[in-house]
PDB file of N, CA and C in Angstrom:
ATOM      1  N   MET A   1      -0.032  25.081  35.974  1.00  0.00           N
ATOM      2  CA  MET A   1       0.072  23.857  35.409  1.00  0.00           C
ATOM      3  C   MET A   1      -0.606  24.045  33.922  1.00  0.00           C
ATOM      4  N   MET A   2      -1.619  24.957  34.256  1.00  0.00           N
ATOM      5  CA  MET A   2      -1.911  24.867  32.641  1.00  0.00           C
ATOM      6  C   MET A   2      -0.555  25.824  31.924  1.00  0.00           C
ATOM      7  N   LYS A   3       0.096  26.453  32.394  1.00  0.00           N
ATOM      8  CA  LYS A   3       0.658  27.123  31.590  1.00  0.00           C
ATOM      9  C   LYS A   3       1.853  26.255  30.989  1.00  0.00           C
ATOM     10  N   ASN A   4       2.376  25.140  31.858  1.00  0.00           N
ATOM     11  CA  ASN A   4       2.833  24.298  31.208  1.00  0.00           C
ATOM     12  C   ASN A   4       2.878  23.165  30.289  1.00  0.00           C
ATOM     13  N   GLN A   5       1.195  23.050  30.260  1.00  0.00           N
ATOM     14  CA  GLN A   5       0.832  22.567  29.081  1.00  0.00           C
ATOM     15  C   GLN A   5       0.638  23.211  27.857  1.00  0.00           C
ATOM     16  N   LEU A   6       0.578  24.519  28.037  1.00  0.00           N
ATOM     17  CA  LEU A   6       0.371  25.699  26.927  1.00  0.00           C
ATOM     18  C   LEU A   6       1.856  25.160  26.456  1.00  0.00           C
ATOM     19  N   ALA A   7       3.035  25.410  27.154  1.00  0.00           N
ATOM     20  CA  ALA A   7       4.297  25.772  26.668  1.00  0.00           C
ATOM     21  C   ALA A   7       4.744  24.822  26.100  1.00  0.00           C
ATOM     22  N   GLY A   8       4.177  23.340  26.439  1.00  0.00           N
ATOM     23  CA  GLY A   8       4.544  21.639  26.016  1.00  0.00           C
ATOM     24  C   GLY A   8       3.936  21.851  24.773  1.00  0.00           C
ATOM     25  N   LEU A   9       2.347  21.987  24.489  1.00  0.00           N
ATOM     26  CA  LEU A   9       2.004  22.376  23.287  1.00  0.00           C
ATOM     27  C   LEU A   9       2.581  22.878  22.108  1.00  0.00           C
ATOM     28  N   MET A  10       2.844  24.265  22.328  1.00  0.00           N
ATOM     29  CA  MET A  10       4.069  25.014  21.682  1.00  0.00           C
ATOM     30  C   MET A  10       4.888  24.224  21.227  1.00  0.00           C
ATOM     31  N   LYS A  11       5.947  23.511  21.818  1.00  0.00           N
ATOM     32  CA  LYS A  11       7.076  22.961  21.687  1.00  0.00           C
ATOM     33  C   LYS A  11       6.425  22.054  20.387  1.00  0.00           C
ATOM     34  N   GLN A  12       6.018  21.287  20.828  1.00  0.00           N
ATOM     35  CA  GLN A  12       4.972  20.382  19.491  1.00  0.00           C
ATOM     36  C   GLN A  12       4.606  21.087  18.320  1.00  0.00           C
ATOM     37  N   ALA A  13       4.113  21.927  18.673  1.00  0.00           N
ATOM     38  CA  ALA A  13       3.945  22.924  17.345  1.00  0.00           C
ATOM     39  C   ALA A  13       4.862  22.760  16.493  1.00  0.00           C
ATOM     40  N   GLN A  14       5.768  23.769  17.519  1.00  0.00           N
ATOM     41  CA  GLN A  14       7.041  23.995  16.702  1.00  0.00           C
ATOM     42  C   GLN A  14       7.837  22.783  15.956  1.00  0.00           C
ATOM     43  N   ALA A  15       8.074  21.664  16.616  1.00  0.00           N
ATOM     44  CA  ALA A  15       8.699  20.719  16.637  1.00  0.00           C
ATOM     45  C   ALA A  15       7.583  19.963  15.186  1.00  0.00           C
ATOM     46  N   MET A  16       6.412  20.176  14.859  1.00  0.00           N
ATOM     47  CA  MET A  16       5.423  19.382  13.672  1.00  0.00           C
ATOM     48  C   MET A  16       5.875  20.379  12.492  1.00  0.00           C
ATOM     49  N   GLN A  17       5.972  21.910  12.901  1.00  0.00           N
ATOM     50  CA  GLN A  17       6.414  22.325  11.462  1.00  0.00           C
ATOM     51  C   GLN A  17       7.687  22.311  11.225  1.00  0.00           C
ATOM     52  N   ASP A  18       8.780  21.967  12.113  1.00  0.00           N
ATOM     53  CA  ASP A  18      10.041  21.823  11.555  1.00  0.00           C
ATOM     54  C   ASP A  18      10.002  20.309  10.686  1.00  0.00           C
ATOM     55  N   ASN A  19       9.369  19.651  11.061  1.00  0.00           N
ATOM     56  CA  ASN A  19       9.206  18.446  10.493  1.00  0.00           C
ATOM     57  C   ASN A  19       8.361  18.373   9.017  1.00  0.00           C
ATOM     58  N   MET A  20       7.302  19.475   9.295  1.00  0.00           N
ATOM     59  CA  MET A  20       6.335  19.597   7.959  1.00  0.00           C
ATOM     60  C   MET A  20       7.833  20.213   7.007  1.00  0.00           C
ATOM     61  N   LYS A  21       8.494  21.243   7.190  1.00  0.00           N
ATOM     62  CA  LYS A  21       9.446  21.472   6.642  1.00  0.00           C
ATOM     63  C   LYS A  21      10.073  20.592   5.859  1.00  0.00           C
ATOM     64  N   LYS A  22      10.974  19.768   6.736  1.00  0.00           N
ATOM     65  CA  LYS A  22      12.260  18.721   6.005  1.00  0.00           C
ATOM     66  C   LYS A  22      11.289  17.785   4.884  1.00  0.00           C
ATOM     67  N   ALA A  23      10.176  17.298   5.361  1.00  0.00           N
ATOM     68  CA  ALA A  23       8.903  16.585   4.549  1.00  0.00           C
ATOM     69  C   ALA A  23       8.994  17.242   3.218  1.00  0.00           C
ATOM     70  N   GLN A  24       8.084  19.032   3.505  1.00  0.00           N
ATOM     71  CA  GLN A  24       8.379  19.430   2.382  1.00  0.00           C
ATOM     72  C   GLN A  24       9.539  19.596   1.101  1.00  0.00           C
ATOM     73  N   ASP A  25      10.248  19.447   1.970  1.00  0.00           N
ATOM     74  CA  ASP A  25      11.856  19.838   1.403  1.00  0.00           C
ATOM     75  C   ASP A  25      12.179  18.332   0.510  1.00  0.00           C
ATOM     76  N   ALA A  26      12.258  17.295   1.127  1.00  0.00           N
ATOM     77  CA  ALA A  26      12.039  16.013   0.340  1.00  0.00           C
ATOM     78  C   ALA A  26      11.215  15.875  -0.653  1.00  0.00           C
ATOM     79  N   LEU A  27       9.826  16.588  -0.474  1.00  0.00           N
ATOM     80  CA  LEU A  27       8.919  15.848  -1.578  1.00  0.00           C
ATOM     81  C   LEU A  27       9.843  16.825  -2.752  1.00  0.00           C
ATOM     82  N   ALA A  28      10.140  18.034  -2.711  1.00  0.00           N
ATOM     83  CA  ALA A  28      11.094  18.632  -4.070  1.00  0.00           C
ATOM     84  C   ALA A  28      11.955  17.940  -4.936  1.00  0.00           C
ATOM     85  N   LEU A  29      12.142  16.569  -3.982  1.00  0.00           N
ATOM     86  CA  LEU A  29      13.690  15.500  -4.433  1.00  0.00           C
ATOM     87  C   LEU A  29      12.890  15.004  -5.199  1.00  0.00           C
ATOM     88  N   ILE A  30      11.890  13.994  -4.593  1.00  0.00           N
ATOM     89  CA  ILE A  30      11.088  12.653  -5.005  1.00  0.00           C
ATOM     90  C   ILE A  30      10.348  13.284  -6.772  1.00  0.00           C
ATOM     91  N   GLU A  31      10.699  11.828  -7.574  1.00  0.00           N
ATOM     92  CA  GLU A  31      10.455  12.067  -9.051  1.00  0.00           C
ATOM     93  C   GLU A  31       9.220  11.089  -8.991  1.00  0.00           C
ATOM     94  N   VAL A  32       8.531  11.506 -10.040  1.00  0.00           N
ATOM     95  CA  VAL A  32       7.524  10.465 -10.688  1.00  0.00           C
ATOM     96  C   VAL A  32       7.018  10.271 -11.903  1.00  0.00           C
ATOM     97  N   GLU A  33       6.679   9.579 -12.586  1.00  0.00           N
ATOM     98  CA  GLU A  33       6.878   9.441 -13.852  1.00  0.00           C
ATOM     99  C   GLU A  33       5.361   9.382 -14.493  1.00  0.00           C
ATOM    100  N   GLY A  34       4.493   9.789 -15.547  1.00  0.00           N
ATOM    101  CA  GLY A  34       3.624  10.280 -15.604  1.00  0.00           C
ATOM    102  C   GLY A  34       3.456   9.609 -16.992  1.00  0.00           C
ATOM    103  N   GLN A  35       2.535   8.336 -17.575  1.00  0.00           N
ATOM    104  CA  GLN A  35       2.327   7.862 -19.085  1.00  0.00           C
ATOM    105  C   GLN A  35       1.409   8.368 -19.533  1.00  0.00           C
ATOM    106  N   ALA A  36       1.098   8.383 -20.873  1.00  0.00           N
ATOM    107  CA  ALA A  36       0.107   7.853 -21.961  1.00  0.00           C
ATOM    108  C   ALA A  36       0.305   7.026 -23.263  1.00  0.00           C
ATOM    109  N   GLY A  37      -0.411   7.017 -23.802  1.00  0.00           N
ATOM    110  CA  GLY A  37      -0.427   6.050 -24.682  1.00  0.00           C
ATOM    111  C   GLY A  37       0.474   5.179 -25.155  1.00  0.00           C
ATOM    112  N   ALA A  38       0.647   4.046 -24.384  1.00  0.00           N
ATOM    113  CA  ALA A  38       1.632   3.266 -23.480  1.00  0.00           C
ATOM    114  C   ALA A  38       2.834   3.165 -23.475  1.00  0.00           C
ATOM    115  N   GLY A  39       3.069   4.600 -22.863  1.00  0.00           N
ATOM    116  CA  GLY A  39       4.451   4.905 -22.520  1.00  0.00           C
ATOM    117  C   GLY A  39       5.393   5.542 -23.912  1.00  0.00           C
ATOM    118  N   MET A  40       4.264   6.370 -24.754  1.00  0.00           N
ATOM    119  CA  MET A  40       4.912   7.028 -26.001  1.00  0.00           C
ATOM    120  C   MET A  40       4.833   8.358 -25.595  1.00  0.00           C
ATOM    121  N   VAL A  41       4.378   8.910 -24.742  1.00  0.00           N
ATOM    122  CA  VAL A  41       4.333   9.803 -24.480  1.00  0.00           C
ATOM    123  C   VAL A  41       4.817   9.719 -22.463  1.00  0.00           C
ATOM    124  N   LYS A  42       5.496  10.869 -21.899  1.00  0.00           N
ATOM    125  CA  LYS A  42       5.777  10.362 -20.704  1.00  0.00           C
ATOM    126  C   LYS A  42       6.267  12.062 -19.946  1.00  0.00           C
ATOM    127  N   VAL A  43       6.135  12.151 -18.958  1.00  0.00           N
ATOM    128  CA  VAL A  43       6.237  13.338 -17.752  1.00  0.00           C
ATOM    129  C   VAL A  43       6.814  13.097 -17.044  1.00  0.00           C
ATOM    130  N   VAL A  44       8.022  13.809 -16.167  1.00  0.00           N
ATOM    131  CA  VAL A  44       8.644  13.457 -15.061  1.00  0.00           C
ATOM    132  C   VAL A  44       8.679  14.665 -13.788  1.00  0.00           C
ATOM    133  N   MET A  45       8.097  14.449 -13.069  1.00  0.00           N
ATOM    134  CA  MET A  45       7.936  15.730 -11.927  1.00  0.00           C
ATOM    135  C   MET A  45       8.072  15.342 -10.546  1.00  0.00           C
ATOM    136  N   THR A  46       8.493  16.495 -10.007  1.00  0.00           N
ATOM    137  CA  THR A  46       8.520  16.381  -8.803  1.00  0.00           C
ATOM    138  C   THR A  46       7.632  15.631  -7.240  1.00  0.00           C
ATOM    139  N   CYS A  47       7.366  15.583  -6.024  1.00  0.00           N
ATOM    140  CA  CYS A  47       5.629  15.685  -5.716  1.00  0.00           C
ATOM    141  C   CYS A  47       5.834  16.631  -5.350  1.00  0.00           C
ATOM    142  N   LYS A  48       6.339  17.922  -5.950  1.00  0.00           N
ATOM    143  CA  LYS A  48       6.249  19.547  -5.413  1.00  0.00           C
ATOM    144  C   LYS A  48       5.366  20.545  -7.216  1.00  0.00           C
ATOM    145  N   ASN A  49       5.404  19.321  -7.850  1.00  0.00           N
ATOM    146  CA  ASN A  49       4.291  19.377  -9.312  1.00  0.00           C
ATOM    147  C   ASN A  49       5.720  20.339 -10.316  1.00  0.00           C
ATOM    148  N   ASP A  50       6.647  20.261 -10.049  1.00  0.00           N
ATOM    149  CA  ASP A  50       8.313  20.916 -10.538  1.00  0.00           C
ATOM    150  C   ASP A  50       8.284  19.780 -11.854  1.00  0.00           C
ATOM    151  N   VAL A  51       7.774  20.035 -13.305  1.00  0.00           N
ATOM    152  CA  VAL A  51       8.289  19.179 -14.760  1.00  0.00           C
ATOM    153  C   VAL A  51       9.825  19.289 -14.655  1.00  0.00           C
ATOM    154  N   LYS A  52      10.310  18.207 -14.558  1.00  0.00           N
ATOM    155  CA  LYS A  52      11.464  17.935 -14.870  1.00  0.00           C
ATOM    156  C   LYS A  52      11.804  17.632 -16.664  1.00  0.00           C
ATOM    157  N   ARG A  53      10.890  16.334 -17.355  1.00  0.00           N
ATOM    158  CA  ARG A  53      10.907  16.143 -18.208  1.00  0.00           C
ATOM    159  C   ARG A  53      10.030  15.850 -18.860  1.00  0.00           C
ATOM    160  N   VAL A  54      10.077  16.265 -20.241  1.00  0.00           N
ATOM    161  CA  VAL A  54       8.780  15.447 -21.144  1.00  0.00           C
ATOM    162  C   VAL A  54       9.154  14.876 -22.667  1.00  0.00           C
ATOM    163  N   SER A  55       8.772  13.372 -22.601  1.00  0.00           N
ATOM    164  CA  SER A  55       9.639  12.250 -23.494  1.00  0.00           C
ATOM    165  C   SER A  55       8.328  12.302 -24.581  1.00  0.00           C
ATOM    166  N   ILE A  56       8.241  12.173 -25.907  1.00  0.00           N
ATOM    167  CA  ILE A  56       7.175  11.922 -27.050  1.00  0.00           C
ATOM    168  C   ILE A  56       8.200  11.243 -28.058  1.00  0.00           C
ATOM    169  N   ASP A  57       7.799   9.789 -28.042  1.00  0.00           N
ATOM    170  CA  ASP A  57       8.105   9.268 -28.718  1.00  0.00           C
ATOM    171  C   ASP A  57       7.948   9.940 -30.304  1.00  0.00           C
ATOM    172  N   PRO A  58       8.747   9.590 -30.623  1.00  0.00           N
ATOM    173  CA  PRO A  58       8.926  10.660 -32.841  1.00  0.00           C
ATOM    174  C   PRO A  58       8.010   9.780 -33.151  1.00  0.00           C
ATOM    175  N   SER A  59       7.886   8.641 -33.498  1.00  0.00           N
ATOM    176  CA  SER A  59       6.446   8.398 -34.015  1.00  0.00           C
ATOM    177  C   SER A  59       5.316   9.106 -33.810  1.00  0.00           C
ATOM    178  N   LEU A  60       5.329   9.804 -32.800  1.00  0.00           N
ATOM    179  CA  LEU A  60       4.094  10.632 -32.395  1.00  0.00           C
ATOM    180  C   LEU A  60       4.019  12.544 -33.503  1.00  0.00           C
ATOM    181  N   LEU A  61       5.333  12.250 -33.865  1.00  0.00           N
ATOM    182  CA  LEU A  61       5.496  13.938 -34.613  1.00  0.00           C
ATOM    183  C   LEU A  61       4.739  14.041 -35.907  1.00  0.00           C
ATOM    184  N   GLY A  62       4.171  12.940 -35.779  1.00  0.00           N
ATOM    185  CA  GLY A  62       3.431  13.266 -37.487  1.00  0.00           C
ATOM    186  C   GLY A  62       2.268  14.219 -37.707  1.00  0.00           C
ATOM    187  N   ASP A  63       1.638  14.019 -38.490  1.00  0.00           N
ATOM    188  CA  ASP A  63       0.433  14.913 -38.927  1.00  0.00           C
ATOM    189  C   ASP A  63      -0.803  15.278 -37.668  1.00  0.00           C
ATOM    190  N   ASP A  64      -1.143  13.985 -36.462  1.00  0.00           N
ATOM    191  CA  ASP A  64      -1.913  14.304 -35.595  1.00  0.00           C
ATOM    192  C   ASP A  64      -1.680  15.057 -34.491  1.00  0.00           C
ATOM    193  N   LYS A  65      -2.011  16.510 -34.696  1.00  0.00           N
ATOM    194  CA  LYS A  65      -2.118  17.318 -33.427  1.00  0.00           C
ATOM    195  C   LYS A  65      -2.584  17.260 -31.883  1.00  0.00           C
ATOM    196  N   ASP A  66      -3.701  17.038 -32.550  1.00  0.00           N
ATOM    197  CA  ASP A  66      -4.889  16.775 -31.755  1.00  0.00           C
ATOM    198  C   ASP A  66      -4.467  15.639 -30.360  1.00  0.00           C
ATOM    199  N   MET A  67      -4.325  14.799 -31.408  1.00  0.00           N
ATOM    200  CA  MET A  67      -3.694  13.319 -30.624  1.00  0.00           C
ATOM    201  C   MET A  67      -2.561  13.543 -29.778  1.00  0.00           C
ATOM    202  N   LEU A  68      -1.780  13.694 -30.315  1.00  0.00           N
ATOM    203  CA  LEU A  68      -0.510  14.181 -29.728  1.00  0.00           C
ATOM    204  C   LEU A  68      -0.940  15.393 -28.098  1.00  0.00           C
ATOM    205  N   GLU A  69      -1.791  16.164 -28.748  1.00  0.00           N
ATOM    206  CA  GLU A  69      -1.727  17.299 -27.701  1.00  0.00           C
ATOM    207  C   GLU A  69      -2.285  16.596 -26.231  1.00  0.00           C
ATOM    208  N   ASP A  70      -4.022  15.758 -26.661  1.00  0.00           N
ATOM    209  CA  ASP A  70      -4.484  15.150 -25.594  1.00  0.00           C
ATOM    210  C   ASP A  70      -3.497  14.136 -24.802  1.00  0.00           C
ATOM    211  N   LEU A  71      -2.645  13.208 -25.461  1.00  0.00           N
ATOM    212  CA  LEU A  71      -1.677  12.518 -24.662  1.00  0.00           C
ATOM    213  C   LEU A  71      -0.962  13.312 -24.345  1.00  0.00           C
ATOM    214  N   VAL A  72      -0.422  14.459 -24.349  1.00  0.00           N
ATOM    215  CA  VAL A  72       0.666  15.352 -23.566  1.00  0.00           C
ATOM    216  C   VAL A  72      -0.216  15.795 -22.272  1.00  0.00           C
ATOM    217  N   ALA A  73      -1.976  16.134 -22.472  1.00  0.00           N
ATOM    218  CA  ALA A  73      -2.155  16.218 -21.535  1.00  0.00           C
ATOM    219  C   ALA A  73      -2.340  15.490 -20.650  1.00  0.00           C
ATOM    220  N   ALA A  74      -3.124  13.696 -20.786  1.00  0.00           N
ATOM    221  CA  ALA A  74      -2.792  12.812 -20.163  1.00  0.00           C
ATOM    222  C   ALA A  74      -2.159  12.291 -18.987  1.00  0.00           C
ATOM    223  N   ALA A  75      -1.111  12.101 -20.057  1.00  0.00           N
ATOM    224  CA  ALA A  75       0.584  12.279 -19.290  1.00  0.00           C
ATOM    225  C   ALA A  75       0.961  13.329 -18.007  1.00  0.00           C
ATOM    226  N   PHE A  76       0.993  14.218 -18.007  1.00  0.00           N
ATOM    227  CA  PHE A  76       0.584  14.916 -17.515  1.00  0.00           C
ATOM    228  C   PHE A  76      -0.357  15.240 -16.294  1.00  0.00           C
ATOM    229  N   ASN A  77      -1.370  14.574 -16.584  1.00  0.00           N
ATOM    230  CA  ASN A  77      -2.735  14.431 -15.645  1.00  0.00           C
ATOM    231  C   ASN A  77      -2.151  13.181 -14.634  1.00  0.00           C
ATOM    232  N   ASP A  78      -1.382  12.232 -15.290  1.00  0.00           N
ATOM    233  CA  ASP A  78      -1.003  11.094 -14.483  1.00  0.00           C
ATOM    234  C   ASP A  78      -0.096  11.222 -14.126  1.00  0.00           C
ATOM    235  N   ALA A  79       0.839  12.079 -14.418  1.00  0.00           N
ATOM    236  CA  ALA A  79       2.263  12.115 -13.355  1.00  0.00           C
ATOM    237  C   ALA A  79       1.969  13.718 -12.129  1.00  0.00           C
ATOM    238  N   VAL A  80       0.771  14.366 -11.971  1.00  0.00           N
ATOM    239  CA  VAL A  80       0.125  14.996 -10.967  1.00  0.00           C
ATOM    240  C   VAL A  80      -0.436  14.342  -9.961  1.00  0.00           C
ATOM    241  N   ARG A  81      -1.152  13.481 -10.735  1.00  0.00           N
ATOM    242  CA  ARG A  81      -1.882  12.143  -9.410  1.00  0.00           C
ATOM    243  C   ARG A  81      -1.229  11.692  -8.649  1.00  0.00           C
ATOM    244  N   LYS A  82       0.278  10.462  -9.548  1.00  0.00           N
ATOM    245  CA  LYS A  82       1.094   9.734  -8.531  1.00  0.00           C
ATOM    246  C   LYS A  82       1.917  10.784  -8.043  1.00  0.00           C
ATOM    247  N   ALA A  83       1.838  12.302  -8.442  1.00  0.00           N
ATOM    248  CA  ALA A  83       3.042  13.528  -7.091  1.00  0.00           C
ATOM    249  C   ALA A  83       1.872  13.697  -5.644  1.00  0.00           C
ATOM    250  N   GLU A  84       0.523  13.454  -5.896  1.00  0.00           N
ATOM    251  CA  GLU A  84      -0.391  13.818  -4.696  1.00  0.00           C
ATOM    252  C   GLU A  84      -0.208  12.257  -4.383  1.00  0.00           C
ATOM    253  N   SER A  85      -0.475  11.419  -4.543  1.00  0.00           N
ATOM    254  CA  SER A  85      -0.808  10.005  -4.040  1.00  0.00           C
ATOM    255  C   SER A  85       0.634   9.811  -2.763  1.00  0.00           C
ATOM    256  N   THR A  86       2.026  10.242  -4.187  1.00  0.00           N
ATOM    257  CA  THR A  86       2.998   9.864  -3.220  1.00  0.00           C
ATOM    258  C   THR A  86       3.161  10.692  -1.902  1.00  0.00           C
ATOM    259  N   ALA A  87       3.083  11.860  -2.516  1.00  0.00           N
ATOM    260  CA  ALA A  87       2.983  13.329  -1.367  1.00  0.00           C
ATOM    261  C   ALA A  87       2.294  13.049   0.194  1.00  0.00           C
ATOM    262  N   SER A  88       1.212  12.797  -0.117  1.00  0.00           N
ATOM    263  CA  SER A  88      -0.059  12.109   0.845  1.00  0.00           C
ATOM    264  C   SER A  88       0.538  10.805   2.046  1.00  0.00           C
ATOM    265  N   GLU A  89       1.225  10.108   0.848  1.00  0.00           N
ATOM    266  CA  GLU A  89       2.132   9.216   1.868  1.00  0.00           C
ATOM    267  C   GLU A  89       2.710   9.519   2.783  1.00  0.00           C
ATOM    268  N   LYS A  90       3.988  10.462   2.038  1.00  0.00           N
ATOM    269  CA  LYS A  90       4.898  10.482   2.866  1.00  0.00           C
ATOM    270  C   LYS A  90       4.460  11.793   3.555  1.00  0.00           C
ATOM    271  N   MET A  91       3.318  12.547   3.543  1.00  0.00           N
ATOM    272  CA  MET A  91       2.534  13.668   4.852  1.00  0.00           C
ATOM    273  C   MET A  91       2.106  12.609   5.656  1.00  0.00           C
ATOM    274  N   SER A  92       1.292  11.634   5.251  1.00  0.00           N
ATOM    275  CA  SER A  92       0.501  11.269   6.348  1.00  0.00           C
ATOM    276  C   SER A  92       1.373  10.932   8.162  1.00  0.00           C
ATOM    277  N   GLY A  93       2.426  10.157   7.734  1.00  0.00           N
ATOM    278  CA  GLY A  93       3.045  10.142   8.904  1.00  0.00           C
ATOM    279  C   GLY A  93       3.356  10.654  10.013  1.00  0.00           C
ATOM    280  N   LEU A  94       3.274  12.711   9.659  1.00  0.00           N
ATOM    281  CA  LEU A  94       3.133  13.454  10.234  1.00  0.00           C
ATOM    282  C   LEU A  94       1.839  14.512  10.642  1.00  0.00           C
ATOM    283  N   THR A  95       0.835  14.159  10.050  1.00  0.00           N
ATOM    284  CA  THR A  95      -0.349  14.305  10.547  1.00  0.00           C
ATOM    285  C   THR A  95      -1.045  13.444  11.311  1.00  0.00           C
ATOM    286  N   ALA A  96      -0.361  12.128  11.206  1.00  0.00           N
ATOM    287  CA  ALA A  96      -1.368  10.676  12.183  1.00  0.00           C
ATOM    288  C   ALA A  96      -2.235  11.337  13.743  1.00  0.00           C
ATOM    289  N   GLY A  97      -1.101  12.164  14.217  1.00  0.00           N
ATOM    290  CA  GLY A  97      -1.854  12.433  15.346  1.00  0.00           C
ATOM    291  C   GLY A  97      -2.719  13.577  15.894  1.00  0.00           C
ATOM    292  N   LEU A  98      -3.104  14.121  14.763  1.00  0.00           N
ATOM    293  CA  LEU A  98      -3.837  14.897  14.441  1.00  0.00           C
ATOM    294  C   LEU A  98      -5.000  15.107  14.457  1.00  0.00           C
ATOM    295  N   PRO A  99      -5.792  15.428  14.845  1.00  0.00           N
ATOM    296  CA  PRO A  99      -7.578  15.669  14.796  1.00  0.00           C
ATOM    297  C   PRO A  99      -8.098  16.059  13.720  1.00  0.00           C
ATOM    298  N   LEU A 100      -7.368  15.853  12.532  1.00  0.00           N
ATOM    299  CA  LEU A 100      -8.495  16.471  11.047  1.00  0.00           C
ATOM    300  C   LEU A 100      -9.543  15.925  10.673  1.00  0.00           C
ATOM    301  N   PRO A 101     -10.419  17.086  10.221  1.00  0.00           N
ATOM    302  CA  PRO A 101     -11.762  15.913  10.117  1.00  0.00           C
ATOM    303  C   PRO A 101     -11.384  14.736   8.505  1.00  0.00           C
ATOM    304  N   PRO A 102     -12.313  14.579   8.405  1.00  0.00           N
ATOM    305  CA  PRO A 102     -12.541  12.817   7.078  1.00  0.00           C
ATOM    306  C   PRO A 102     -11.915  13.718   6.225  1.00  0.00           C
ATOM    307  N   GLY A 103     -10.776  13.240   5.217  1.00  0.00           N
ATOM    308  CA  GLY A 103     -10.614  14.028   3.607  1.00  0.00           C
ATOM    309  C   GLY A 103      -9.873  15.370   3.832  1.00  0.00           C
ATOM    310  N   PHE A 104      -9.495  16.018   4.942  1.00  0.00           N
ATOM    311  CA  PHE A 104      -8.708  17.038   4.738  1.00  0.00           C
ATOM    312  C   PHE A 104      -7.788  16.686   4.212  1.00  0.00           C
ATOM    313  N   LYS A 105      -7.491  18.016   3.014  1.00  0.00           N
ATOM    314  CA  LYS A 105      -6.051  17.588   2.285  1.00  0.00           C
ATOM    315  C   LYS A 105      -5.147  18.593   2.965  1.00  0.00           C
ATOM    316  N   MET A 106      -3.970  18.362   3.574  1.00  0.00           N
ATOM    317  CA  MET A 106      -3.197  19.445   3.459  1.00  0.00           C
ATOM    318  C   MET A 106      -2.805  20.337   2.197  1.00  0.00           C
ATOM    319  N   PRO A 107      -2.245  21.585   2.392  1.00  0.00           N
ATOM    320  CA  PRO A 107      -1.437  22.221   1.156  1.00  0.00           C
ATOM    321  C   PRO A 107      -0.363  21.803   1.169  1.00  0.00           C
ATOM    322  N   PHE A 108       0.087  20.838   0.317  1.00  0.00           N
ATOM    323  CA  PHE A 108       1.948  20.639  -0.279  1.00  0.00           C
ATOM    324  C   PHE A 108       1.170  19.449  -1.103  1.00  0.00           C
TER     325      PHE A 108
END
């Protein structure tokens, strides 16, 4: 009996691993957009944190380099937060039955 339970557990673990791989592959296709300066700076990235595009309003290309750098950093940070949130939502269904400690973050 114990051997059958262990075999069943191993099958479940393999199925979950396969599902996690599929979900991670899907995250690479989902894009999120971070913005700063009321949309004057935009960063588009995947939920795997691969940056696809950076858009900067031409009016920002003047003399204020420090402000532009701050806006680009803020847009990147906004995109990263959105990517993490989206990835967490998408992966939560896969980890719902696992006895994970509160606040545990999966590595994806």
